Amino acid sequence: MDEPADGYDEPMPPTAPPRPAARPLTRAQQARKDAHESHVRATVKRHLKGLAPVSRLIVLLYLVDGLSDHEITAALGPTYNLTPNEVGSRRRALMTRIRRIARSTSTSTPTPTKPTD
């Protein structure tokens, strides 16, 4: 009986075939993509500025730094006096709000003007 090369009992499954390279975007597609990304970025910035400082910290620590509710509580320290449950509750409410904003933003992306050469 042949032994698998990696030493495990089961033979390794075949790897997935490589994905074909994506075709480059046309100028119009790239302009739409750039306009959408710019619009989303501006919308997110505007809404983040509108949050209370502690809420903004919770969102950024969760999304950017990838911290858990317990880690966020420890990072905020006694200044804000929040329990992990309170942090989680605020985070969930904020993430629901962010998802709602993202959905409305994705349907209201401005149409870019025709690029000039």
PDB file of N, CA and C in Angstrom:
ATOM      1  N   MET A   1       0.857  -1.179   0.000  1.00  0.00           N
ATOM      2  CA  MET A   1       0.000   0.000   0.000  1.00  0.00           C
ATOM      3  C   MET A   1       0.892   1.227   0.000  1.00  0.00           C
ATOM      4  N   ASP A   2       0.566   2.187  -0.858  1.00  0.00           N
ATOM      5  CA  ASP A   2       1.366   3.400  -0.960  1.00  0.00           C
ATOM      6  C   ASP A   2       1.054   4.343   0.191  1.00  0.00           C
ATOM      7  N   GLU A   3       2.099   4.906   0.777  1.00  0.00           N
ATOM      8  CA  GLU A   3       1.954   5.911   1.836  1.00  0.00           C
ATOM      9  C   GLU A   3       1.803   7.284   1.196  1.00  0.00           C
ATOM     10  N   PRO A   4       0.848   8.103   1.684  1.00  0.00           N
ATOM     11  CA  PRO A   4       0.771   9.472   1.175  1.00  0.00           C
ATOM     12  C   PRO A   4       2.074  10.207   1.490  1.00  0.00           C
ATOM     13  N   ALA A   5       2.471  11.102   0.599  1.00  0.00           N
ATOM     14  CA  ALA A   5       3.746  11.803   0.729  1.00  0.00           C
ATOM     15  C   ALA A   5       3.803  12.701   1.957  1.00  0.00           C
ATOM     16  N   ASP A   6       2.657  13.195   2.425  1.00  0.00           N
ATOM     17  CA  ASP A   6       2.672  14.115   3.559  1.00  0.00           C
ATOM     18  C   ASP A   6       2.598  13.407   4.910  1.00  0.00           C
ATOM     19  N   GLY A   7       2.469  12.091   4.928  1.00  0.00           N
ATOM     20  CA  GLY A   7       2.453  11.347   6.177  1.00  0.00           C
ATOM     21  C   GLY A   7       1.083  11.192   6.806  1.00  0.00           C
ATOM     22  N   TYR A   8       0.053  11.789   6.263  1.00  0.00           N
ATOM     23  CA  TYR A   8      -1.288  11.656   6.809  1.00  0.00           C
ATOM     24  C   TYR A   8      -1.920  10.373   6.287  1.00  0.00           C
ATOM     25  N   ASP A   9      -3.000   9.948   6.937  1.00  0.00           N
ATOM     26  CA  ASP A   9      -3.676   8.721   6.537  1.00  0.00           C
ATOM     27  C   ASP A   9      -4.408   8.860   5.206  1.00  0.00           C
ATOM     28  N   GLU A  10      -4.974  10.038   4.953  1.00  0.00           N
ATOM     29  CA  GLU A  10      -5.766  10.248   3.747  1.00  0.00           C
ATOM     30  C   GLU A  10      -4.918  10.922   2.672  1.00  0.00           C
ATOM     31  N   PRO A  11      -5.106  10.515   1.420  1.00  0.00           N
ATOM     32  CA  PRO A  11      -4.391  11.227   0.353  1.00  0.00           C
ATOM     33  C   PRO A  11      -4.921  12.656   0.218  1.00  0.00           C
ATOM     34  N   MET A  12      -4.089  13.555  -0.241  1.00  0.00           N
ATOM     35  CA  MET A  12      -4.459  14.962  -0.394  1.00  0.00           C
ATOM     36  C   MET A  12      -5.423  15.100  -1.574  1.00  0.00           C
ATOM     37  N   PRO A  13      -6.455  15.929  -1.410  1.00  0.00           N
ATOM     38  CA  PRO A  13      -7.371  16.148  -2.531  1.00  0.00           C
ATOM     39  C   PRO A  13      -6.666  16.969  -3.608  1.00  0.00           C
ATOM     40  N   PRO A  14      -7.131  16.838  -4.836  1.00  0.00           N
ATOM     41  CA  PRO A  14      -6.490  17.623  -5.898  1.00  0.00           C
ATOM     42  C   PRO A  14      -6.713  19.111  -5.663  1.00  0.00           C
ATOM     43  N   THR A  15      -5.748  19.907  -6.048  1.00  0.00           N
ATOM     44  CA  THR A  15      -5.887  21.351  -5.870  1.00  0.00           C
ATOM     45  C   THR A  15      -6.798  21.909  -6.945  1.00  0.00           C
ATOM     46  N   ALA A  16      -7.409  23.033  -6.650  1.00  0.00           N
ATOM     47  CA  ALA A  16      -8.300  23.673  -7.614  1.00  0.00           C
ATOM     48  C   ALA A  16      -7.476  24.225  -8.767  1.00  0.00           C
ATOM     49  N   PRO A  17      -8.032  24.181  -9.955  1.00  0.00           N
ATOM     50  CA  PRO A  17      -7.285  24.734 -11.096  1.00  0.00           C
ATOM     51  C   PRO A  17      -7.123  26.238 -10.921  1.00  0.00           C
ATOM     52  N   PRO A  18      -6.059  26.799 -11.451  1.00  0.00           N
ATOM     53  CA  PRO A  18      -5.871  28.245 -11.305  1.00  0.00           C
ATOM     54  C   PRO A  18      -6.976  29.008 -12.022  1.00  0.00           C
ATOM     55  N   ARG A  19      -7.333  30.157 -11.433  1.00  0.00           N
ATOM     56  CA  ARG A  19      -8.369  30.985 -12.051  1.00  0.00           C
ATOM     57  C   ARG A  19      -7.785  31.710 -13.259  1.00  0.00           C
ATOM     58  N   PRO A  20      -8.600  31.867 -14.287  1.00  0.00           N
ATOM     59  CA  PRO A  20      -8.096  32.624 -15.432  1.00  0.00           C
ATOM     60  C   PRO A  20      -7.907  34.083 -15.031  1.00  0.00           C
ATOM     61  N   ALA A  21      -6.952  34.742 -15.650  1.00  0.00           N
ATOM     62  CA  ALA A  21      -6.683  36.141 -15.339  1.00  0.00           C
ATOM     63  C   ALA A  21      -7.894  36.985 -15.742  1.00  0.00           C
ATOM     64  N   ALA A  22      -8.215  37.950 -14.892  1.00  0.00           N
ATOM     65  CA  ALA A  22      -9.336  38.831 -15.186  1.00  0.00           C
ATOM     66  C   ALA A  22      -8.968  39.771 -16.327  1.00  0.00           C
ATOM     67  N   ARG A  23      -9.957  40.051 -17.153  1.00  0.00           N
ATOM     68  CA  ARG A  23      -9.712  40.980 -18.249  1.00  0.00           C
ATOM     69  C   ARG A  23      -9.596  42.393 -17.681  1.00  0.00           C
ATOM     70  N   PRO A  24      -8.729  43.205 -18.254  1.00  0.00           N
ATOM     71  CA  PRO A  24      -8.631  44.583 -17.769  1.00  0.00           C
ATOM     72  C   PRO A  24      -9.936  45.337 -18.012  1.00  0.00           C
ATOM     73  N   LEU A  25     -10.224  46.283 -17.141  1.00  0.00           N
ATOM     74  CA  LEU A  25     -11.444  47.067 -17.279  1.00  0.00           C
ATOM     75  C   LEU A  25     -11.304  48.065 -18.422  1.00  0.00           C
ATOM     76  N   THR A  26     -12.425  48.351 -19.051  1.00  0.00           N
ATOM     77  CA  THR A  26     -12.422  49.412 -20.060  1.00  0.00           C
ATOM     78  C   THR A  26     -12.345  50.754 -19.336  1.00  0.00           C
ATOM     79  N   ARG A  27     -12.099  51.818 -20.064  1.00  0.00           N
ATOM     80  CA  ARG A  27     -12.036  53.149 -19.430  1.00  0.00           C
ATOM     81  C   ARG A  27     -13.339  53.491 -18.734  1.00  0.00           C
ATOM     82  N   ALA A  28     -14.447  53.188 -19.385  1.00  0.00           N
ATOM     83  CA  ALA A  28     -15.751  53.494 -18.797  1.00  0.00           C
ATOM     84  C   ALA A  28     -15.980  52.675 -17.531  1.00  0.00           C
ATOM     85  N   GLN A  29     -15.625  51.384 -17.558  1.00  0.00           N
ATOM     86  CA  GLN A  29     -15.782  50.541 -16.367  1.00  0.00           C
ATOM     87  C   GLN A  29     -14.892  51.045 -15.240  1.00  0.00           C
ATOM     88  N   GLN A  30     -13.651  51.411 -15.558  1.00  0.00           N
ATOM     89  CA  GLN A  30     -12.731  51.918 -14.543  1.00  0.00           C
ATOM     90  C   GLN A  30     -13.240  53.232 -13.963  1.00  0.00           C
ATOM     91  N   ALA A  31     -13.792  54.099 -14.810  1.00  0.00           N
ATOM     92  CA  ALA A  31     -14.336  55.372 -14.338  1.00  0.00           C
ATOM     93  C   ALA A  31     -15.506  55.138 -13.385  1.00  0.00           C
ATOM     94  N   ARG A  32     -16.400  54.173 -13.728  1.00  0.00           N
ATOM     95  CA  ARG A  32     -17.525  53.839 -12.844  1.00  0.00           C
ATOM     96  C   ARG A  32     -17.025  53.281 -11.520  1.00  0.00           C
ATOM     97  N   LYS A  33     -16.024  52.394 -11.591  1.00  0.00           N
ATOM     98  CA  LYS A  33     -15.466  51.790 -10.377  1.00  0.00           C
ATOM     99  C   LYS A  33     -14.827  52.862  -9.501  1.00  0.00           C
ATOM    100  N   ASP A  34     -14.042  53.757 -10.107  1.00  0.00           N
ATOM    101  CA  ASP A  34     -13.395  54.831  -9.343  1.00  0.00           C
ATOM    102  C   ASP A  34     -14.414  55.765  -8.708  1.00  0.00           C
ATOM    103  N   ALA A  35     -15.471  56.105  -9.467  1.00  0.00           N
ATOM    104  CA  ALA A  35     -16.516  56.985  -8.941  1.00  0.00           C
ATOM    105  C   ALA A  35     -17.231  56.322  -7.770  1.00  0.00           C
ATOM    106  N   HIS A  36     -17.514  55.027  -7.910  1.00  0.00           N
ATOM    107  CA  HIS A  36     -18.191  54.299  -6.834  1.00  0.00           C
ATOM    108  C   HIS A  36     -17.317  54.250  -5.584  1.00  0.00           C
ATOM    109  N   GLU A  37     -16.044  53.906  -5.742  1.00  0.00           N
ATOM    110  CA  GLU A  37     -15.141  53.827  -4.590  1.00  0.00           C
ATOM    111  C   GLU A  37     -14.985  55.181  -3.912  1.00  0.00           C
ATOM    112  N   SER A  38     -14.884  56.230  -4.692  1.00  0.00           N
ATOM    113  CA  SER A  38     -14.761  57.577  -4.145  1.00  0.00           C
ATOM    114  C   SER A  38     -16.017  57.965  -3.374  1.00  0.00           C
ATOM    115  N   HIS A  39     -17.173  57.634  -3.939  1.00  0.00           N
ATOM    116  CA  HIS A  39     -18.451  57.933  -3.296  1.00  0.00           C
ATOM    117  C   HIS A  39     -18.595  57.167  -1.974  1.00  0.00           C
ATOM    118  N   VAL A  40     -18.253  55.888  -2.001  1.00  0.00           N
ATOM    119  CA  VAL A  40     -18.348  55.067  -0.786  1.00  0.00           C
ATOM    120  C   VAL A  40     -17.389  55.594   0.279  1.00  0.00           C
ATOM    121  N   ARG A  41     -16.152  55.911  -0.123  1.00  0.00           N
ATOM    122  CA  ARG A  41     -15.159  56.422   0.820  1.00  0.00           C
ATOM    123  C   ARG A  41     -15.643  57.724   1.471  1.00  0.00           C
ATOM    124  N   ALA A  42     -16.186  58.644   0.670  1.00  0.00           N
ATOM    125  CA  ALA A  42     -16.681  59.915   1.199  1.00  0.00           C
ATOM    126  C   ALA A  42     -17.867  59.701   2.130  1.00  0.00           C
ATOM    127  N   THR A  43     -18.753  58.770   1.769  1.00  0.00           N
ATOM    128  CA  THR A  43     -19.916  58.479   2.607  1.00  0.00           C
ATOM    129  C   THR A  43     -19.495  57.889   3.943  1.00  0.00           C
ATOM    130  N   VAL A  44     -18.562  56.949   3.922  1.00  0.00           N
ATOM    131  CA  VAL A  44     -18.084  56.328   5.166  1.00  0.00           C
ATOM    132  C   VAL A  44     -17.416  57.374   6.053  1.00  0.00           C
ATOM    133  N   LYS A  45     -16.559  58.217   5.469  1.00  0.00           N
ATOM    134  CA  LYS A  45     -15.899  59.272   6.254  1.00  0.00           C
ATOM    135  C   LYS A  45     -16.923  60.193   6.900  1.00  0.00           C
ATOM    136  N   ARG A  46     -17.919  60.594   6.118  1.00  0.00           N
ATOM    137  CA  ARG A  46     -18.941  61.508   6.637  1.00  0.00           C
ATOM    138  C   ARG A  46     -19.693  60.873   7.809  1.00  0.00           C
ATOM    139  N   HIS A  47     -20.046  59.608   7.673  1.00  0.00           N
ATOM    140  CA  HIS A  47     -20.785  58.947   8.746  1.00  0.00           C
ATOM    141  C   HIS A  47     -19.898  58.669   9.958  1.00  0.00           C
ATOM    142  N   LEU A  48     -18.627  58.343   9.747  1.00  0.00           N
ATOM    143  CA  LEU A  48     -17.727  58.136  10.885  1.00  0.00           C
ATOM    144  C   LEU A  48     -17.537  59.421  11.674  1.00  0.00           C
ATOM    145  N   LYS A  49     -17.441  60.552  10.965  1.00  0.00           N
ATOM    146  CA  LYS A  49     -17.293  61.837  11.657  1.00  0.00           C
ATOM    147  C   LYS A  49     -18.516  62.153  12.491  1.00  0.00           C
ATOM    148  N   GLY A  50     -19.678  61.658  12.076  1.00  0.00           N
ATOM    149  CA  GLY A  50     -20.913  61.930  12.792  1.00  0.00           C
ATOM    150  C   GLY A  50     -21.115  61.080  14.039  1.00  0.00           C
ATOM    151  N   LEU A  51     -20.270  60.070  14.229  1.00  0.00           N
ATOM    152  CA  LEU A  51     -20.407  59.202  15.404  1.00  0.00           C
ATOM    153  C   LEU A  51     -19.802  59.857  16.640  1.00  0.00           C
ATOM    154  N   ALA A  52     -20.312  59.455  17.786  1.00  0.00           N
ATOM    155  CA  ALA A  52     -19.697  59.878  19.045  1.00  0.00           C
ATOM    156  C   ALA A  52     -18.289  59.282  19.104  1.00  0.00           C
ATOM    157  N   PRO A  53     -17.347  59.950  19.787  1.00  0.00           N
ATOM    158  CA  PRO A  53     -15.962  59.459  19.817  1.00  0.00           C
ATOM    159  C   PRO A  53     -15.822  58.000  20.254  1.00  0.00           C
ATOM    160  N   VAL A  54     -16.554  57.578  21.270  1.00  0.00           N
ATOM    161  CA  VAL A  54     -16.418  56.196  21.738  1.00  0.00           C
ATOM    162  C   VAL A  54     -16.953  55.228  20.688  1.00  0.00           C
ATOM    163  N   SER A  55     -18.025  55.593  20.006  1.00  0.00           N
ATOM    164  CA  SER A  55     -18.574  54.730  18.956  1.00  0.00           C
ATOM    165  C   SER A  55     -17.605  54.624  17.790  1.00  0.00           C
ATOM    166  N   ARG A  56     -16.988  55.737  17.431  1.00  0.00           N
ATOM    167  CA  ARG A  56     -15.998  55.729  16.354  1.00  0.00           C
ATOM    168  C   ARG A  56     -14.823  54.823  16.727  1.00  0.00           C
ATOM    169  N   LEU A  57     -14.374  54.901  17.972  1.00  0.00           N
ATOM    170  CA  LEU A  57     -13.282  54.032  18.432  1.00  0.00           C
ATOM    171  C   LEU A  57     -13.666  52.565  18.364  1.00  0.00           C
ATOM    172  N   ILE A  58     -14.864  52.244  18.800  1.00  0.00           N
ATOM    173  CA  ILE A  58     -15.318  50.849  18.783  1.00  0.00           C
ATOM    174  C   ILE A  58     -15.313  50.315  17.354  1.00  0.00           C
ATOM    175  N   VAL A  59     -15.865  51.082  16.415  1.00  0.00           N
ATOM    176  CA  VAL A  59     -15.918  50.647  15.014  1.00  0.00           C
ATOM    177  C   VAL A  59     -14.516  50.470  14.455  1.00  0.00           C
ATOM    178  N   LEU A  60     -13.648  51.439  14.687  1.00  0.00           N
ATOM    179  CA  LEU A  60     -12.295  51.357  14.134  1.00  0.00           C
ATOM    180  C   LEU A  60     -11.489  50.221  14.762  1.00  0.00           C
ATOM    181  N   LEU A  61     -11.594  50.041  16.066  1.00  0.00           N
ATOM    182  CA  LEU A  61     -10.860  48.947  16.713  1.00  0.00           C
ATOM    183  C   LEU A  61     -11.361  47.585  16.230  1.00  0.00           C
ATOM    184  N   TYR A  62     -12.652  47.495  15.961  1.00  0.00           N
ATOM    185  CA  TYR A  62     -13.218  46.228  15.493  1.00  0.00           C
ATOM    186  C   TYR A  62     -12.867  45.968  14.029  1.00  0.00           C
ATOM    187  N   LEU A  63     -13.129  46.956  13.174  1.00  0.00           N
ATOM    188  CA  LEU A  63     -12.946  46.747  11.735  1.00  0.00           C
ATOM    189  C   LEU A  63     -11.488  46.829  11.298  1.00  0.00           C
ATOM    190  N   VAL A  64     -10.752  47.804  11.797  1.00  0.00           N
ATOM    191  CA  VAL A  64      -9.382  48.010  11.330  1.00  0.00           C
ATOM    192  C   VAL A  64      -8.396  47.119  12.070  1.00  0.00           C
ATOM    193  N   ASP A  65      -8.501  47.095  13.399  1.00  0.00           N
ATOM    194  CA  ASP A  65      -7.543  46.319  14.196  1.00  0.00           C
ATOM    195  C   ASP A  65      -7.988  44.891  14.450  1.00  0.00           C
ATOM    196  N   GLY A  66      -9.264  44.584  14.194  1.00  0.00           N
ATOM    197  CA  GLY A  66      -9.756  43.222  14.348  1.00  0.00           C
ATOM    198  C   GLY A  66      -9.860  42.761  15.791  1.00  0.00           C
ATOM    199  N   LEU A  67     -10.077  43.698  16.724  1.00  0.00           N
ATOM    200  CA  LEU A  67     -10.147  43.335  18.140  1.00  0.00           C
ATOM    201  C   LEU A  67     -11.511  42.766  18.506  1.00  0.00           C
ATOM    202  N   SER A  68     -11.520  41.887  19.505  1.00  0.00           N
ATOM    203  CA  SER A  68     -12.777  41.334  20.025  1.00  0.00           C
ATOM    204  C   SER A  68     -13.384  42.348  20.998  1.00  0.00           C
ATOM    205  N   ASP A  69     -14.609  42.074  21.453  1.00  0.00           N
ATOM    206  CA  ASP A  69     -15.266  42.971  22.398  1.00  0.00           C
ATOM    207  C   ASP A  69     -14.469  43.098  23.695  1.00  0.00           C
ATOM    208  N   HIS A  70     -13.899  41.988  24.174  1.00  0.00           N
ATOM    209  CA  HIS A  70     -13.095  42.030  25.401  1.00  0.00           C
ATOM    210  C   HIS A  70     -11.833  42.864  25.188  1.00  0.00           C
ATOM    211  N   GLU A  71     -11.205  42.699  24.021  1.00  0.00           N
ATOM    212  CA  GLU A  71      -9.993  43.473  23.719  1.00  0.00           C
ATOM    213  C   GLU A  71     -10.306  44.956  23.561  1.00  0.00           C
ATOM    214  N   ILE A  72     -11.446  45.268  22.970  1.00  0.00           N
ATOM    215  CA  ILE A  72     -11.851  46.668  22.827  1.00  0.00           C
ATOM    216  C   ILE A  72     -12.096  47.277  24.195  1.00  0.00           C
ATOM    217  N   THR A  73     -12.764  46.533  25.074  1.00  0.00           N
ATOM    218  CA  THR A  73     -13.019  47.014  26.430  1.00  0.00           C
ATOM    219  C   THR A  73     -11.700  47.317  27.141  1.00  0.00           C
ATOM    220  N   ALA A  74     -10.736  46.410  27.009  1.00  0.00           N
ATOM    221  CA  ALA A  74      -9.429  46.624  27.651  1.00  0.00           C
ATOM    222  C   ALA A  74      -8.711  47.824  27.025  1.00  0.00           C
ATOM    223  N   ALA A  75      -8.817  47.977  25.691  1.00  0.00           N
ATOM    224  CA  ALA A  75      -8.147  49.096  25.019  1.00  0.00           C
ATOM    225  C   ALA A  75      -8.759  50.434  25.424  1.00  0.00           C
ATOM    226  N   LEU A  76     -10.075  50.474  25.613  1.00  0.00           N
ATOM    227  CA  LEU A  76     -10.730  51.724  26.008  1.00  0.00           C
ATOM    228  C   LEU A  76     -10.433  52.071  27.456  1.00  0.00           C
ATOM    229  N   GLY A  77     -10.196  51.042  28.256  1.00  0.00           N
ATOM    230  CA  GLY A  77      -9.817  51.255  29.655  1.00  0.00           C
ATOM    231  C   GLY A  77     -10.933  51.859  30.491  1.00  0.00           C
ATOM    232  N   PRO A  78     -10.553  52.337  31.679  1.00  0.00           N
ATOM    233  CA  PRO A  78     -11.551  52.861  32.610  1.00  0.00           C
ATOM    234  C   PRO A  78     -12.126  54.216  32.194  1.00  0.00           C
ATOM    235  N   THR A  79     -11.524  54.854  31.199  1.00  0.00           N
ATOM    236  CA  THR A  79     -12.013  56.160  30.756  1.00  0.00           C
ATOM    237  C   THR A  79     -13.471  56.097  30.340  1.00  0.00           C
ATOM    238  N   TYR A  80     -13.829  55.056  29.602  1.00  0.00           N
ATOM    239  CA  TYR A  80     -15.198  54.936  29.102  1.00  0.00           C
ATOM    240  C   TYR A  80     -16.057  54.029  29.960  1.00  0.00           C
ATOM    241  N   ASN A  81     -15.443  53.230  30.831  1.00  0.00           N
ATOM    242  CA  ASN A  81     -16.169  52.401  31.791  1.00  0.00           C
ATOM    243  C   ASN A  81     -17.262  51.557  31.125  1.00  0.00           C
ATOM    244  N   LEU A  82     -16.884  50.804  30.090  1.00  0.00           N
ATOM    245  CA  LEU A  82     -17.821  49.942  29.384  1.00  0.00           C
ATOM    246  C   LEU A  82     -17.485  48.474  29.645  1.00  0.00           C
ATOM    247  N   THR A  83     -18.531  47.650  29.735  1.00  0.00           N
ATOM    248  CA  THR A  83     -18.319  46.211  29.855  1.00  0.00           C
ATOM    249  C   THR A  83     -18.236  45.621  28.446  1.00  0.00           C
ATOM    250  N   PRO A  84     -17.688  44.410  28.310  1.00  0.00           N
ATOM    251  CA  PRO A  84     -17.675  43.767  26.994  1.00  0.00           C
ATOM    252  C   PRO A  84     -19.073  43.630  26.379  1.00  0.00           C
ATOM    253  N   ASN A  85     -20.090  43.396  27.214  1.00  0.00           N
ATOM    254  CA  ASN A  85     -21.458  43.293  26.699  1.00  0.00           C
ATOM    255  C   ASN A  85     -21.930  44.620  26.114  1.00  0.00           C
ATOM    256  N   GLU A  86     -21.603  45.729  26.787  1.00  0.00           N
ATOM    257  CA  GLU A  86     -21.986  47.046  26.273  1.00  0.00           C
ATOM    258  C   GLU A  86     -21.253  47.357  24.970  1.00  0.00           C
ATOM    259  N   VAL A  87     -19.970  46.997  24.917  1.00  0.00           N
ATOM    260  CA  VAL A  87     -19.192  47.202  23.695  1.00  0.00           C
ATOM    261  C   VAL A  87     -19.803  46.386  22.558  1.00  0.00           C
ATOM    262  N   GLY A  88     -20.127  45.122  22.832  1.00  0.00           N
ATOM    263  CA  GLY A  88     -20.724  44.264  21.808  1.00  0.00           C
ATOM    264  C   GLY A  88     -22.063  44.786  21.330  1.00  0.00           C
ATOM    265  N   SER A  89     -22.878  45.268  22.249  1.00  0.00           N
ATOM    266  CA  SER A  89     -24.179  45.811  21.890  1.00  0.00           C
ATOM    267  C   SER A  89     -24.026  47.042  20.997  1.00  0.00           C
ATOM    268  N   ARG A  90     -23.116  47.942  21.382  1.00  0.00           N
ATOM    269  CA  ARG A  90     -22.868  49.137  20.562  1.00  0.00           C
ATOM    270  C   ARG A  90     -22.297  48.748  19.199  1.00  0.00           C
ATOM    271  N   ARG A  91     -21.360  47.803  19.203  1.00  0.00           N
ATOM    272  CA  ARG A  91     -20.731  47.385  17.952  1.00  0.00           C
ATOM    273  C   ARG A  91     -21.758  46.797  16.995  1.00  0.00           C
ATOM    274  N   ARG A  92     -22.630  45.930  17.509  1.00  0.00           N
ATOM    275  CA  ARG A  92     -23.656  45.322  16.652  1.00  0.00           C
ATOM    276  C   ARG A  92     -24.593  46.386  16.082  1.00  0.00           C
ATOM    277  N   ALA A  93     -25.002  47.340  16.902  1.00  0.00           N
ATOM    278  CA  ALA A  93     -25.880  48.414  16.426  1.00  0.00           C
ATOM    279  C   ALA A  93     -25.179  49.252  15.361  1.00  0.00           C
ATOM    280  N   LEU A  94     -23.909  49.550  15.584  1.00  0.00           N
ATOM    281  CA  LEU A  94     -23.151  50.344  14.619  1.00  0.00           C
ATOM    282  C   LEU A  94     -22.933  49.577  13.316  1.00  0.00           C
ATOM    283  N   MET A  95     -22.646  48.279  13.416  1.00  0.00           N
ATOM    284  CA  MET A  95     -22.428  47.480  12.208  1.00  0.00           C
ATOM    285  C   MET A  95     -23.718  47.365  11.394  1.00  0.00           C
ATOM    286  N   THR A  96     -24.865  47.271  12.064  1.00  0.00           N
ATOM    287  CA  THR A  96     -26.149  47.253  11.368  1.00  0.00           C
ATOM    288  C   THR A  96     -26.339  48.569  10.628  1.00  0.00           C
ATOM    289  N   ARG A  97     -26.007  49.666  11.293  1.00  0.00           N
ATOM    290  CA  ARG A  97     -26.116  50.993  10.675  1.00  0.00           C
ATOM    291  C   ARG A  97     -25.174  51.106   9.469  1.00  0.00           C
ATOM    292  N   ILE A  98     -23.943  50.607   9.611  1.00  0.00           N
ATOM    293  CA  ILE A  98     -22.968  50.663   8.522  1.00  0.00           C
ATOM    294  C   ILE A  98     -23.447  49.833   7.333  1.00  0.00           C
ATOM    295  N   ARG A  99     -23.991  48.647   7.586  1.00  0.00           N
ATOM    296  CA  ARG A  99     -24.498  47.807   6.492  1.00  0.00           C
ATOM    297  C   ARG A  99     -25.640  48.499   5.752  1.00  0.00           C
ATOM    298  N   ARG A 100     -26.512  49.162   6.517  1.00  0.00           N
ATOM    299  CA  ARG A 100     -27.627  49.886   5.910  1.00  0.00           C
ATOM    300  C   ARG A 100     -27.103  51.019   5.018  1.00  0.00           C
ATOM    301  N   ILE A 101     -26.103  51.740   5.510  1.00  0.00           N
ATOM    302  CA  ILE A 101     -25.494  52.823   4.735  1.00  0.00           C
ATOM    303  C   ILE A 101     -24.847  52.257   3.480  1.00  0.00           C
ATOM    304  N   ALA A 102     -24.133  51.140   3.624  1.00  0.00           N
ATOM    305  CA  ALA A 102     -23.452  50.536   2.477  1.00  0.00           C
ATOM    306  C   ALA A 102     -24.455  50.105   1.419  1.00  0.00           C
ATOM    307  N   ARG A 103     -25.569  49.528   1.840  1.00  0.00           N
ATOM    308  CA  ARG A 103     -26.598  49.114   0.872  1.00  0.00           C
ATOM    309  C   ARG A 103     -27.170  50.315   0.139  1.00  0.00           C
ATOM    310  N   SER A 104     -27.466  51.387   0.875  1.00  0.00           N
ATOM    311  CA  SER A 104     -28.044  52.565   0.221  1.00  0.00           C
ATOM    312  C   SER A 104     -27.012  53.249  -0.662  1.00  0.00           C
ATOM    313  N   THR A 105     -25.735  53.192  -0.286  1.00  0.00           N
ATOM    314  CA  THR A 105     -24.678  53.808  -1.082  1.00  0.00           C
ATOM    315  C   THR A 105     -24.467  53.042  -2.374  1.00  0.00           C
ATOM    316  N   SER A 106     -24.533  51.719  -2.305  1.00  0.00           N
ATOM    317  CA  SER A 106     -24.271  50.923  -3.503  1.00  0.00           C
ATOM    318  C   SER A 106     -25.363  51.113  -4.557  1.00  0.00           C
ATOM    319  N   THR A 107     -26.552  51.528  -4.148  1.00  0.00           N
ATOM    320  CA  THR A 107     -27.621  51.748  -5.115  1.00  0.00           C
ATOM    321  C   THR A 107     -27.699  53.191  -5.575  1.00  0.00           C
ATOM    322  N   SER A 108     -26.932  54.086  -4.946  1.00  0.00           N
ATOM    323  CA  SER A 108     -27.022  55.505  -5.312  1.00  0.00           C
ATOM    324  C   SER A 108     -25.681  56.063  -5.764  1.00  0.00           C
ATOM    325  N   THR A 109     -24.857  55.248  -6.389  1.00  0.00           N
ATOM    326  CA  THR A 109     -23.567  55.711  -6.870  1.00  0.00           C
ATOM    327  C   THR A 109     -23.764  56.686  -8.017  1.00  0.00           C
ATOM    328  N   PRO A 110     -23.076  57.831  -7.963  1.00  0.00           N
ATOM    329  CA  PRO A 110     -23.259  58.797  -9.040  1.00  0.00           C
ATOM    330  C   PRO A 110     -22.702  58.271 -10.354  1.00  0.00           C
ATOM    331  N   THR A 111     -23.288  58.706 -11.449  1.00  0.00           N
ATOM    332  CA  THR A 111     -22.816  58.315 -12.774  1.00  0.00           C
ATOM    333  C   THR A 111     -21.648  59.226 -13.139  1.00  0.00           C
ATOM    334  N   PRO A 112     -20.502  58.639 -13.487  1.00  0.00           N
ATOM    335  CA  PRO A 112     -19.346  59.477 -13.795  1.00  0.00           C
ATOM    336  C   PRO A 112     -19.512  60.168 -15.134  1.00  0.00           C
ATOM    337  N   THR A 113     -18.821  61.280 -15.271  1.00  0.00           N
ATOM    338  CA  THR A 113     -18.822  61.956 -16.563  1.00  0.00           C
ATOM    339  C   THR A 113     -17.879  61.216 -17.491  1.00  0.00           C
ATOM    340  N   LYS A 114     -18.044  61.439 -18.783  1.00  0.00           N
ATOM    341  CA  LYS A 114     -17.209  60.759 -19.763  1.00  0.00           C
ATOM    342  C   LYS A 114     -15.762  61.226 -19.619  1.00  0.00           C
ATOM    343  N   PRO A 115     -14.803  60.289 -19.509  1.00  0.00           N
ATOM    344  CA  PRO A 115     -13.408  60.711 -19.360  1.00  0.00           C
ATOM    345  C   PRO A 115     -12.912  61.413 -20.617  1.00  0.00           C
ATOM    346  N   THR A 116     -12.107  62.425 -20.391  1.00  0.00           N
ATOM    347  CA  THR A 116     -11.536  63.140 -21.528  1.00  0.00           C
ATOM    348  C   THR A 116     -10.084  62.728 -21.685  1.00  0.00           C
ATOM    349  N   ASP A 117      -9.619  62.685 -22.912  1.00  0.00           N
ATOM    350  CA  ASP A 117      -8.231  62.294 -23.156  1.00  0.00           C
ATOM    351  C   ASP A 117      -7.353  63.506 -23.333  1.00  0.00           C
TER     352      ASP A 117
END
